[in-house]
Every structure is written in C-alpha cells, then in structure tokens.
Amino acid sequence: MNVFRFFLTIAAACLLAGSALPIADVVVPFVMKHAGRDQETVEQLKARAQTIDEALKYEAKSPAQKAAVLTLWKAEARFARDVHAGGVGKLGSDDGRAKCLGQIHVNRKVPRAVWETLGGLDLAATRRCAWATLTILEGKMRYCRVWYSSEGVAVGFHAYATGKCPKGEPNAKSRKRAATWVRLHHALSQ
C-alpha cells in the first residue's frame, strides 16, 4: 500500500470514528511521495513539506483551494527543491522565465517585483507562491466561468497550463490533474 493510500485509509477511519484528520496528515505524506529525493535528505524533505503545509494553512482558505495548489505544484514541478528555491530546475522553470512550485510567469496579477520574491524555501516565499498560484488559477476559472468541482478544476487546470479556456473538453493532462484534485479534496475535507 503506498503512503498516500495509507493516509486516505486513516482519513476514512477518522471520518467513521467522528474525528478530524489534521491537514498535515495529508499534505506532508503527499509531498514526500511525489517529490524527488535526489536533492535533499528525507529529513530535509519532511521539513520542506511541513513548510508547504504551513503555507497552505495561511493562504488556502478551503480544502478545495489546498487540493488545487497541491495538485498544481505536483504537476508543474513535482515539488522539486531547486524549483521551490527559485532556481532553474531539471523539472521546470521554463528556462528561468518561471518561479516557484507553481511555475509562475510575470503577468498582470503577478508583476515582476512580486514575481522576483516567489522563489525560496522559507515560509514567506512559499506563502507568496501559494498566493500567486491561487490568484492565477482562480482568475482563469472565473474567466472560463467555472468553479471548484471535478469538471471545473479540469477546465481551470487546462487554462492555468495553456492560458486559454478549452474549446470543448479539457485535455487529458488536465482531466488527470482533476482526478488528483478530487482525491486530495476528499482527503482534506475529512
């Protein structure tokens, strides 16, 4: 049984018992499962996962938002340390044009002065990255006239990645991301 399924099982047991599952019991194992370990020790990764968890407690106001940020950060950068730190990583950063785990480019909502502060492993930079990720995602969702639902996030993820609302169905990548969001949203809502 993989780590994430194990924690989903615990979440289900907590729900049946009537007790709440702390967000860290979902976020930290999810990050640790999906992050590459070639750049840091397990202890360093766990500390970074706890920083991500803490940032989401501040910036994401609902389980839907937390699940969306985690899904995008996994898909865009696989929680890579070098991308999180603001560097040009193996798994992303678009040749230096994108920053942080959300792979944020300079745009109207994230001007260059803010964009330059998104990279960093500390709590403040991780919070700014979560804010920017949500700001862009929710702006795209509003533009495409959808909101948080399995179909809505598929459209939102498509628009986040391409800059455009899909003509017809969202692409397969976006639907796969939406399936991840559904599982995370369920686990975080327990």
Foldseek 3Di string as FASTA:
>chain_A
DQQQVVLLVVLVVCVVVVHHDDPLSRQLSLLLVQEDPPPHDSVVSSVLSVLLVVLCVPQPPALLLNLLLSLQLCVQASNYLCQQQFHADPRDCPVVQAGHSNRDHADPVQHPVLRVQCHRSHNVNSNSVSNRSSVQLVVQLVVLVADDDLQSQLQSVQCSVPVDGDDPGRDPVSNVSSVSSVSSSVSNVD
